[in-house]
């Protein structure tokens, strides 16, 4: 029964990883990405994030852009453990405001850029009915009591967990054109990470058929029953638990990139982001589990990333694009998480057709392949391979103002795991997700 007392702590520790893009990193940093999915060779303003060396390909001037994405994700876990009241658990991730900001000043061979965005985390995850990993322990209470001679057939509990996680990135970069073909860039991103957790396990109820302790035979508090029965360990384990924790940390990400344009129709972008060493610290207001001591520190690194992209203008009004992202997850320190067999990667293809000088349509597809082992997958934190489609348009309202609109839908490949429960048996648990994103971006040339 000690498991009940610690499960809330485990849920909250993994919550920030559960609502991030990929395993941890968010690569969706612009409305153009949402509508096209391949931006690693971009020479537009979102190159501040995707291809900093490509910023020198822009016309001279000072540019600003603001993008927002509204992200909605449903996480579904199904557990066939036979003692559960309900086998299906649904968690909702809602991120109505996911903003990014870009600025670039370009003059001759030099460009100076700045960007702000949620480079990891970035949302709120809410589990209104808990998860099977902690309810399976509660569900075994009736069987436990029945084996002790107290017939018990049912249970209930008030389970709730909510977590928010945002890793804000503030990036400054300098780009320089060595010649007409090759340009390079160097930059630094400052990461300010904040996780907040609020959760409880309250009112664990059982219906023991015990004429002295529970003469009515109806539901009663499990903690009260175990207290009267003289089972103090069980009484403490089934008492109400609450956690109110904020975690903060900062880190730095060095960034280098190269842009190569051997001919006018072809552009190649390469970028490497170094690992971000991120140390988080607990700021604990209330901790009913004893697992979040105030001031305790732990590592939650953002992995190094290598990206490559190719844009090719097949026709004057039609451009094709491909992008590749490779995340060095195996080399990052994330609180002892080591069940990663291979590094995560993404491969994307996109295209844009200029319908007129002022209107363009784009679409793209992306495959994401996770590298986690079966030991990594739990209902608290699971990573699934996926396929994504995106589409949208670009609208040049004037010579200075451009608006981008995009829509994205991600389909995940189901994951599963066989879990053994002592004294009960081995049962399958399956994992699924679905994600929808709506985006809008405004780009403006000041001069």
Protein backbone atom coordinates (compact mmCIF):
# COMPACT_ATOMS: atom_id res chain seq x y z
CA UNK A 1 0.00 0.00 0.00
CA UNK A 2 2.99 2.33 0.10
CA UNK A 3 2.50 2.59 -3.67
CA UNK A 4 -0.62 4.74 -3.21
CA UNK A 5 1.36 7.24 -1.13
CA UNK A 6 4.07 7.69 -3.77
CA UNK A 7 2.16 7.44 -7.06
CA UNK A 8 1.04 11.06 -6.96
CA UNK A 9 4.70 12.05 -6.78
CA UNK A 10 5.58 9.89 -9.79
CA UNK A 11 2.71 11.35 -11.84
CA UNK A 12 3.79 14.90 -11.15
CA UNK A 13 7.47 14.24 -11.88
CA UNK A 14 6.67 12.94 -15.38
CA UNK A 15 3.87 15.40 -16.17
CA UNK A 16 6.16 17.94 -17.84
CA UNK A 17 7.53 15.26 -20.14
CA UNK A 18 4.08 13.94 -20.98
CA UNK A 19 2.89 17.19 -22.53
CA UNK A 20 5.80 18.07 -24.59
CA UNK A 21 6.36 17.63 -28.33
CA UNK A 22 8.45 14.54 -29.31
CA UNK A 23 9.82 13.29 -26.01
CA UNK A 24 10.53 16.79 -24.69
CA UNK A 25 11.30 19.33 -27.45
CA UNK A 26 8.76 21.46 -29.33
CA UNK A 27 9.69 21.78 -33.01
CA UNK A 28 6.40 23.50 -33.95
CA UNK A 29 7.66 27.07 -33.67
CA UNK A 30 5.76 28.93 -36.42
CA UNK A 31 2.51 29.06 -38.35
CA UNK A 32 4.53 28.26 -41.49
CA UNK A 33 5.66 25.01 -39.87
CA UNK A 34 2.07 24.05 -39.07
CA UNK A 35 0.96 24.57 -42.68
CA UNK A 36 4.01 23.01 -44.33
CA UNK A 37 5.88 20.84 -41.74
CA UNK A 38 9.24 21.28 -43.48
CA UNK A 39 11.07 24.51 -42.58
CA UNK A 40 14.70 23.56 -41.92
CA UNK A 41 15.91 25.39 -45.05
CA UNK A 42 13.67 28.41 -44.52
CA UNK A 43 14.86 31.83 -45.66
CA UNK A 44 11.77 33.56 -44.26
CA UNK A 45 11.55 35.14 -40.81
CA UNK A 46 10.88 31.85 -39.01
CA UNK A 47 14.47 30.95 -39.98
CA UNK A 48 15.31 32.68 -36.68
CA UNK A 49 14.48 29.27 -35.16
CA UNK A 50 14.72 26.79 -38.05
CA UNK A 51 17.69 28.04 -40.10
CA UNK A 52 19.44 31.09 -38.58
CA UNK A 53 22.16 31.17 -41.25
CA UNK A 54 19.45 31.59 -43.90
CA UNK A 55 18.38 34.98 -42.52
CA UNK A 56 20.99 36.73 -44.68
CA UNK A 57 18.99 35.63 -47.76
CA UNK A 58 16.23 38.10 -46.79
CA UNK A 59 16.07 41.60 -48.28
CA UNK A 60 17.66 44.36 -46.22
CA UNK A 61 15.34 45.67 -43.52
CA UNK A 62 13.91 45.16 -40.05
CA UNK A 63 11.28 42.42 -39.67
CA UNK A 64 8.92 41.37 -36.86
CA UNK A 65 6.57 38.39 -36.58
CA UNK A 66 4.11 37.03 -34.04
CA UNK A 67 2.65 33.53 -34.28
CA UNK A 68 0.14 31.71 -32.12
CA UNK A 69 -0.95 28.09 -32.07
CA UNK A 70 -3.96 26.61 -30.32
CA UNK A 71 -3.07 23.00 -29.48
CA UNK A 72 -5.48 20.32 -28.30
CA UNK A 73 -4.40 16.78 -27.44
CA UNK A 74 -6.26 13.78 -26.07
CA UNK A 75 -4.24 11.06 -24.32
CA UNK A 76 -5.99 7.71 -23.90
CA UNK A 77 -4.82 4.80 -21.74
CA UNK A 78 -6.68 1.49 -21.65
CA UNK A 79 -5.81 -1.07 -18.96
CA UNK A 80 -7.30 -4.57 -18.84
CA UNK A 81 -6.65 -5.09 -15.12
CA UNK A 82 -9.91 -6.88 -14.16
CA UNK A 83 -10.51 -5.18 -10.79
CA UNK A 84 -10.79 -1.64 -12.18
CA UNK A 85 -14.18 0.07 -12.26
CA UNK A 86 -13.37 1.51 -15.71
CA UNK A 87 -10.61 0.37 -18.08
CA UNK A 88 -10.29 3.65 -20.03
CA UNK A 89 -8.56 6.81 -18.80
CA UNK A 90 -8.51 10.06 -20.76
CA UNK A 91 -6.23 13.03 -20.20
CA UNK A 92 -6.84 16.36 -21.89
CA UNK A 93 -3.99 18.66 -22.92
CA UNK A 94 -5.19 22.16 -23.75
CA UNK A 95 -2.87 24.93 -24.97
CA UNK A 96 -5.04 27.74 -26.39
CA UNK A 97 -2.12 30.18 -26.44
CA UNK A 98 1.25 28.93 -27.70
CA UNK A 99 3.03 32.09 -28.89
CA UNK A 100 6.31 32.68 -30.70
CA UNK A 101 7.95 35.97 -31.59
CA UNK A 102 10.70 36.61 -34.14
CA UNK A 103 12.73 39.69 -35.07
CA UNK A 104 15.51 40.15 -37.63
CA UNK A 105 17.58 43.10 -38.78
CA UNK A 106 19.33 42.43 -42.10
CA UNK A 107 21.92 44.76 -43.66
CA UNK A 108 24.20 43.70 -46.51
CA UNK A 109 26.01 40.51 -45.36
CA UNK A 110 24.96 40.70 -41.70
CA UNK A 111 21.77 39.74 -39.87
CA UNK A 112 21.01 40.08 -36.14
CA UNK A 113 18.04 38.09 -34.89
CA UNK A 114 16.00 37.53 -31.76
CA UNK A 115 13.35 34.93 -30.94
CA UNK A 116 11.07 33.97 -28.06
CA UNK A 117 9.00 30.79 -27.77
CA UNK A 118 8.10 27.72 -25.69
CA UNK A 119 10.93 25.45 -26.82
CA UNK A 120 9.75 22.58 -24.59
CA UNK A 121 6.73 21.87 -22.42
CA UNK A 122 4.14 24.49 -23.16
CA UNK A 123 0.75 23.43 -21.86
CA UNK A 124 -1.65 22.12 -19.26
CA UNK A 125 -2.42 18.44 -18.75
CA UNK A 126 -5.48 17.49 -16.72
CA UNK A 127 -6.44 14.00 -15.57
CA UNK A 128 -9.91 14.22 -14.05
CA UNK A 129 -10.18 10.53 -13.19
CA UNK A 130 -6.55 9.69 -12.49
CA UNK A 131 -4.58 6.94 -14.20
CA UNK A 132 -4.49 3.15 -13.88
CA UNK A 133 -1.03 3.10 -12.27
CA UNK A 134 -2.41 4.45 -9.04
CA UNK A 135 -6.00 3.20 -9.26
CA UNK A 136 -4.92 -0.43 -9.63
CA UNK A 137 -3.58 -0.29 -6.06
CA UNK A 138 -6.85 1.13 -4.78
CA UNK A 139 -8.83 -1.42 -6.83
CA UNK A 140 -7.10 -4.26 -4.98
CA UNK A 141 -8.46 -3.14 -1.58
CA UNK A 142 -11.70 -5.19 -1.86
CA UNK A 143 -9.73 -8.33 -2.77
CA UNK A 144 -7.28 -7.71 0.05
CA UNK A 145 -10.01 -7.34 2.69
CA UNK A 146 -11.96 -10.31 1.38
CA UNK A 147 -8.83 -12.45 1.70
CA UNK A 148 -8.62 -11.32 5.34
CA UNK A 149 -12.19 -12.49 5.98
CA UNK A 150 -13.96 -9.12 5.52
CA UNK A 151 -16.13 -9.40 2.40
CA UNK A 152 -15.66 -6.26 0.30
CA UNK A 153 -16.90 -5.86 -3.26
CA UNK A 154 -16.43 -2.25 -4.35
CA UNK A 155 -14.34 0.91 -4.02
CA UNK A 156 -14.32 4.55 -5.16
CA UNK A 157 -11.93 7.48 -4.99
CA UNK A 158 -11.64 11.16 -5.90
CA UNK A 159 -8.58 11.34 -8.16
CA UNK A 160 -7.38 14.55 -9.80
CA UNK A 161 -4.08 15.79 -11.24
CA UNK A 162 -3.23 18.94 -13.15
CA UNK A 163 0.17 20.05 -14.35
CA UNK A 164 1.48 22.97 -16.37
CA UNK A 165 4.89 23.09 -18.01
CA UNK A 166 6.56 25.83 -20.02
CA UNK A 167 10.22 26.05 -21.02
CA UNK A 168 10.53 29.57 -22.43
CA UNK A 169 13.43 30.13 -24.82
CA UNK A 170 14.98 33.59 -25.44
CA UNK A 171 17.34 33.39 -28.41
CA UNK A 172 19.87 35.87 -29.82
CA UNK A 173 21.84 35.17 -32.98
CA UNK A 174 24.22 36.68 -35.53
CA UNK A 175 24.31 35.54 -39.16
CA UNK A 176 26.89 36.40 -41.81
CA UNK A 177 27.18 35.74 -45.55
CA UNK A 178 30.73 34.65 -46.37
CA UNK A 179 29.90 34.75 -50.07
CA UNK A 180 26.91 34.27 -52.35
CA UNK A 181 26.82 30.53 -51.66
CA UNK A 182 27.69 30.00 -47.99
CA UNK A 183 26.54 31.77 -44.84
CA UNK A 184 26.86 30.88 -41.19
CA UNK A 185 25.28 31.76 -37.86
CA UNK A 186 25.95 31.44 -34.15
CA UNK A 187 23.55 32.05 -31.33
CA UNK A 188 22.60 31.38 -27.74
CA UNK A 189 19.24 30.49 -26.26
CA UNK A 190 18.40 31.10 -22.61
CA UNK A 191 15.87 28.63 -21.21
CA UNK A 192 13.63 29.51 -18.26
CA UNK A 193 11.64 26.43 -17.20
CA UNK A 194 8.65 26.39 -14.86
CA UNK A 195 6.49 23.38 -13.92
CA UNK A 196 3.49 23.66 -11.61
CA UNK A 197 1.63 20.67 -10.17
CA UNK A 198 -1.61 20.43 -8.26
CA UNK A 199 -3.09 17.02 -7.44
CA UNK A 200 -4.88 14.93 -4.88
CA UNK A 201 -6.06 11.45 -4.00
CA UNK A 202 -9.06 11.97 -1.71
CA UNK A 203 -11.95 10.01 -0.27
CA UNK A 204 -10.83 6.45 -0.91
CA UNK A 205 -14.03 4.52 -0.06
CA UNK A 206 -14.78 0.80 0.39
CA UNK A 207 -17.83 -1.27 1.42
CA UNK A 208 -16.55 -3.83 3.98
CA UNK A 209 -19.21 -6.21 5.30
CA UNK A 210 -18.17 -5.95 8.97
CA UNK A 211 -21.03 -5.80 11.50
CA UNK A 212 -19.00 -4.05 14.22
CA UNK A 213 -16.98 -1.55 12.18
CA UNK A 214 -19.42 -0.96 9.29
CA UNK A 215 -22.86 -2.14 10.39
CA UNK A 216 -24.67 -0.52 7.44
CA UNK A 217 -22.59 -2.45 4.92
CA UNK A 218 -22.41 0.63 2.67
CA UNK A 219 -19.45 2.74 1.63
CA UNK A 220 -17.11 4.11 4.30
CA UNK A 221 -13.71 5.76 4.36
CA UNK A 222 -10.94 3.21 3.79
CA UNK A 223 -8.65 5.15 6.13
CA UNK A 224 -11.28 5.15 8.89
CA UNK A 225 -11.85 1.42 8.49
CA UNK A 226 -8.16 0.56 8.71
CA UNK A 227 -7.73 2.89 11.71
CA UNK A 228 -10.55 1.14 13.66
CA UNK A 229 -9.23 -2.23 12.55
CA UNK A 230 -5.81 -1.36 13.96
CA UNK A 231 -4.01 -1.49 10.61
CA UNK A 232 -2.08 1.80 10.86
CA UNK A 233 0.09 1.29 7.72
CA UNK A 234 -2.97 0.83 5.53
CA UNK A 235 -4.74 3.74 7.25
CA UNK A 236 -1.87 6.10 6.44
CA UNK A 237 -1.58 4.84 2.84
CA UNK A 238 -5.29 5.41 2.13
CA UNK A 239 -5.54 8.83 3.83
CA UNK A 240 -6.08 11.93 1.68
CA UNK A 241 -2.98 13.11 -0.22
CA UNK A 242 -2.37 16.53 -1.77
CA UNK A 243 0.57 18.06 -3.61
CA UNK A 244 1.16 21.71 -4.56
CA UNK A 245 4.60 22.10 -6.16
CA UNK A 246 6.37 24.56 -8.44
CA UNK A 247 9.68 23.63 -10.08
CA UNK A 248 12.02 26.17 -11.65
CA UNK A 249 15.25 25.91 -13.60
CA UNK A 250 17.41 27.71 -16.16
CA UNK A 251 19.86 26.63 -18.85
CA UNK A 252 21.67 27.75 -22.00
CA UNK A 253 21.66 26.31 -25.54
CA UNK A 254 24.51 27.23 -27.93
CA UNK A 255 23.37 27.09 -31.58
CA UNK A 256 25.37 26.99 -34.82
CA UNK A 257 24.09 26.74 -38.39
CA UNK A 258 25.20 26.85 -42.01
CA UNK A 259 23.21 27.77 -45.11
CA UNK A 260 24.30 26.74 -48.60
CA UNK A 261 22.76 27.98 -51.87
CA UNK A 262 24.81 26.51 -54.75
CA UNK A 263 22.26 27.65 -57.36
CA UNK A 264 19.38 30.09 -57.27
CA UNK A 265 16.68 27.39 -57.12
CA UNK A 266 18.30 25.33 -54.33
CA UNK A 267 18.83 26.12 -50.64
CA UNK A 268 20.27 23.82 -47.94
CA UNK A 269 20.10 24.50 -44.22
CA UNK A 270 22.07 22.71 -41.47
CA UNK A 271 21.79 23.41 -37.72
CA UNK A 272 23.11 21.94 -34.47
CA UNK A 273 21.72 22.81 -31.05
CA UNK A 274 23.93 21.70 -28.17
CA UNK A 275 22.50 19.90 -25.15
CA UNK A 276 20.84 22.19 -22.62
CA UNK A 277 21.93 21.27 -19.11
CA UNK A 278 18.85 22.09 -17.07
CA UNK A 279 18.66 21.76 -13.29
CA UNK A 280 15.21 22.05 -11.71
CA UNK A 281 14.51 22.96 -8.08
CA UNK A 282 11.39 22.22 -6.04
CA UNK A 283 9.43 25.11 -4.55
CA UNK A 284 7.02 23.09 -2.42
CA UNK A 285 3.95 24.57 -0.75
CA UNK A 286 2.31 21.28 0.23
CA UNK A 287 3.50 17.70 -0.15
CA UNK A 288 1.34 14.93 1.28
CA UNK A 289 3.64 12.29 -0.16
CA UNK A 290 7.00 13.33 1.24
CA UNK A 291 8.51 12.91 -2.23
CA UNK A 292 8.98 16.63 -3.07
CA UNK A 293 11.19 18.18 -0.37
CA UNK A 294 11.40 21.94 -0.72
CA UNK A 295 14.68 22.97 -2.33
CA UNK A 296 15.48 19.55 -3.80
CA UNK A 297 17.25 19.71 -7.20
CA UNK A 298 17.24 17.31 -10.18
CA UNK A 299 18.36 17.31 -13.82
CA UNK A 300 15.93 17.54 -16.74
CA UNK A 301 18.13 18.25 -19.77
CA UNK A 302 16.89 19.20 -23.23
CA UNK A 303 18.73 16.95 -25.73
CA UNK A 304 21.08 18.16 -28.44
CA UNK A 305 19.42 18.42 -31.87
CA UNK A 306 20.76 18.16 -35.42
CA UNK A 307 18.54 19.41 -38.25
CA UNK A 308 18.92 19.46 -42.02
CA UNK A 309 16.65 20.84 -44.73
CA UNK A 310 16.52 21.27 -48.50
CA UNK A 311 14.28 23.66 -50.44
CA UNK A 312 14.08 23.40 -54.21
CA UNK A 313 12.05 25.69 -56.46
CA UNK A 314 10.92 23.27 -59.15
CA UNK A 315 8.95 25.99 -60.97
CA UNK A 316 8.81 29.76 -60.52
CA UNK A 317 5.57 29.34 -58.54
CA UNK A 318 6.15 25.89 -56.97
CA UNK A 319 8.63 24.94 -54.23
CA UNK A 320 9.37 21.53 -52.72
CA UNK A 321 10.93 21.05 -49.29
CA UNK A 322 12.25 18.25 -47.10
CA UNK A 323 13.48 18.35 -43.48
CA UNK A 324 15.16 15.98 -41.05
CA UNK A 325 15.40 16.35 -37.25
CA UNK A 326 17.51 14.11 -35.02
CA UNK A 327 17.24 14.33 -31.21
CA UNK A 328 20.11 12.97 -29.08
CA UNK A 329 17.81 11.77 -26.29
CA UNK A 330 20.13 8.97 -25.16
CA UNK A 331 22.80 11.47 -24.13
CA UNK A 332 20.59 13.75 -22.02
CA UNK A 333 20.25 13.54 -18.25
CA UNK A 334 16.59 13.44 -17.29
CA UNK A 335 16.31 12.34 -13.69
CA UNK A 336 17.45 8.77 -14.26
CA UNK A 337 15.21 7.98 -17.24
CA UNK A 338 17.33 5.48 -19.18
CA UNK A 339 14.88 3.27 -21.09
CA UNK A 340 15.74 4.84 -24.47
CA UNK A 341 17.00 2.37 -27.10
CA UNK A 342 17.44 4.79 -30.02
CA UNK A 343 17.36 8.51 -30.61
CA UNK A 344 14.13 10.15 -31.80
CA UNK A 345 13.95 11.44 -35.39
CA UNK A 346 11.50 13.24 -37.72
CA UNK A 347 11.35 13.26 -41.51
CA UNK A 348 9.11 15.77 -43.30
CA UNK A 349 8.13 16.68 -46.87
CA UNK A 350 6.26 19.80 -47.91
CA UNK A 351 5.35 21.91 -50.87
CA UNK A 352 4.11 25.43 -51.56
CA UNK A 353 2.26 26.67 -54.63
CA UNK A 354 1.97 30.41 -55.30
CA UNK A 355 -1.55 30.80 -56.63
CA UNK A 356 -0.99 34.52 -57.21
CA UNK A 357 1.64 37.02 -56.13
CA UNK A 358 -0.34 37.53 -52.92
CA UNK A 359 -1.77 34.09 -52.12
CA UNK A 360 0.04 30.77 -51.65
CA UNK A 361 -1.14 27.32 -50.58
CA UNK A 362 1.06 24.79 -48.82
CA UNK A 363 0.81 21.28 -47.39
CA UNK A 364 3.13 18.76 -45.82
CA UNK A 365 3.52 15.36 -44.19
CA UNK A 366 5.86 14.26 -41.41
CA UNK A 367 6.81 10.93 -39.87
CA UNK A 368 8.14 10.88 -36.30
CA UNK A 369 9.88 7.75 -35.02
CA UNK A 370 10.36 7.31 -31.29
CA UNK A 371 13.29 5.33 -29.94
CA UNK A 372 12.10 4.45 -26.45
CA UNK A 373 12.21 0.88 -25.19
CA UNK A 374 9.23 -0.99 -23.79
CA UNK A 375 10.52 -0.32 -20.29
CA UNK A 376 10.03 3.43 -20.81
CA UNK A 377 6.33 3.22 -21.62
CA UNK A 378 3.95 3.89 -18.73
CA UNK A 379 0.59 5.58 -18.47
CA UNK A 380 2.44 8.51 -16.87
CA UNK A 381 4.94 9.07 -19.68
CA UNK A 382 4.79 7.35 -23.05
CA UNK A 383 6.26 8.19 -26.43
CA UNK A 384 4.65 7.03 -29.68
CA UNK A 385 5.68 7.13 -33.31
CA UNK A 386 3.33 9.24 -35.41
CA UNK A 387 2.36 10.63 -38.80
CA UNK A 388 1.32 14.24 -39.26
CA UNK A 389 -0.41 16.17 -42.02
CA UNK A 390 -0.50 19.95 -42.26
CA UNK A 391 -1.95 22.48 -44.65
CA UNK A 392 -2.69 26.18 -44.89
CA UNK A 393 -2.02 29.38 -46.74
CA UNK A 394 0.04 32.54 -46.91
CA UNK A 395 -1.64 35.88 -47.65
CA UNK A 396 0.36 38.99 -48.51
CA UNK A 397 -1.99 41.74 -47.40
CA UNK A 398 0.44 44.47 -48.42
CA UNK A 399 4.11 44.90 -49.24
CA UNK A 400 4.81 44.94 -45.49
CA UNK A 401 2.17 42.67 -43.91
CA UNK A 402 1.86 38.90 -44.38
CA UNK A 403 -0.59 36.56 -42.65
CA UNK A 404 -0.14 32.78 -42.37
CA UNK A 405 -2.89 30.32 -41.46
CA UNK A 406 -2.31 26.64 -40.75
CA UNK A 407 -3.93 23.41 -39.57
CA UNK A 408 -2.18 20.27 -38.36
CA UNK A 409 -3.40 16.81 -37.36
CA UNK A 410 -1.21 14.10 -35.83
CA UNK A 411 -2.10 10.40 -35.89
CA UNK A 412 -0.18 8.20 -33.44
CA UNK A 413 0.70 4.53 -33.65
CA UNK A 414 -0.71 2.69 -30.64
CA UNK A 415 1.73 1.51 -28.01
CA UNK A 416 1.24 -1.34 -25.58
CA UNK A 417 2.87 -3.07 -22.63
CA UNK A 418 2.27 -6.21 -20.58
CA UNK A 419 2.17 -5.41 -16.85
CA UNK A 420 2.41 -8.03 -14.10
CA UNK A 421 0.43 -7.44 -10.89
CA UNK A 422 1.51 -9.51 -7.90
CA UNK A 423 -1.09 -12.09 -6.95
CA UNK A 424 -3.48 -11.06 -9.74
CA UNK A 425 -1.82 -11.76 -13.12
CA UNK A 426 -0.39 -10.08 -16.24
CA UNK A 427 -2.58 -7.73 -18.28
CA UNK A 428 -2.15 -5.50 -21.32
CA UNK A 429 -2.09 -1.70 -21.18
CA UNK A 430 -2.40 0.32 -24.41
CA UNK A 431 -1.53 3.96 -25.16
CA UNK A 432 -2.88 6.36 -27.75
CA UNK A 433 -2.99 10.09 -28.54
CA UNK A 434 -4.51 12.52 -31.01
CA UNK A 435 -3.39 16.11 -31.63
CA UNK A 436 -4.96 19.03 -33.49
CA UNK A 437 -3.31 22.43 -33.99
CA UNK A 438 -4.72 25.66 -35.42
CA UNK A 439 -2.24 28.48 -36.11
CA UNK A 440 -2.08 32.07 -37.24
CA UNK A 441 1.01 34.22 -37.87
CA UNK A 442 1.56 37.89 -38.61
CA UNK A 443 4.77 39.07 -40.29
CA UNK A 444 5.58 42.76 -40.74
CA UNK A 445 8.50 44.60 -42.35
CA UNK A 446 9.13 47.82 -40.40
CA UNK A 447 11.49 49.29 -43.00
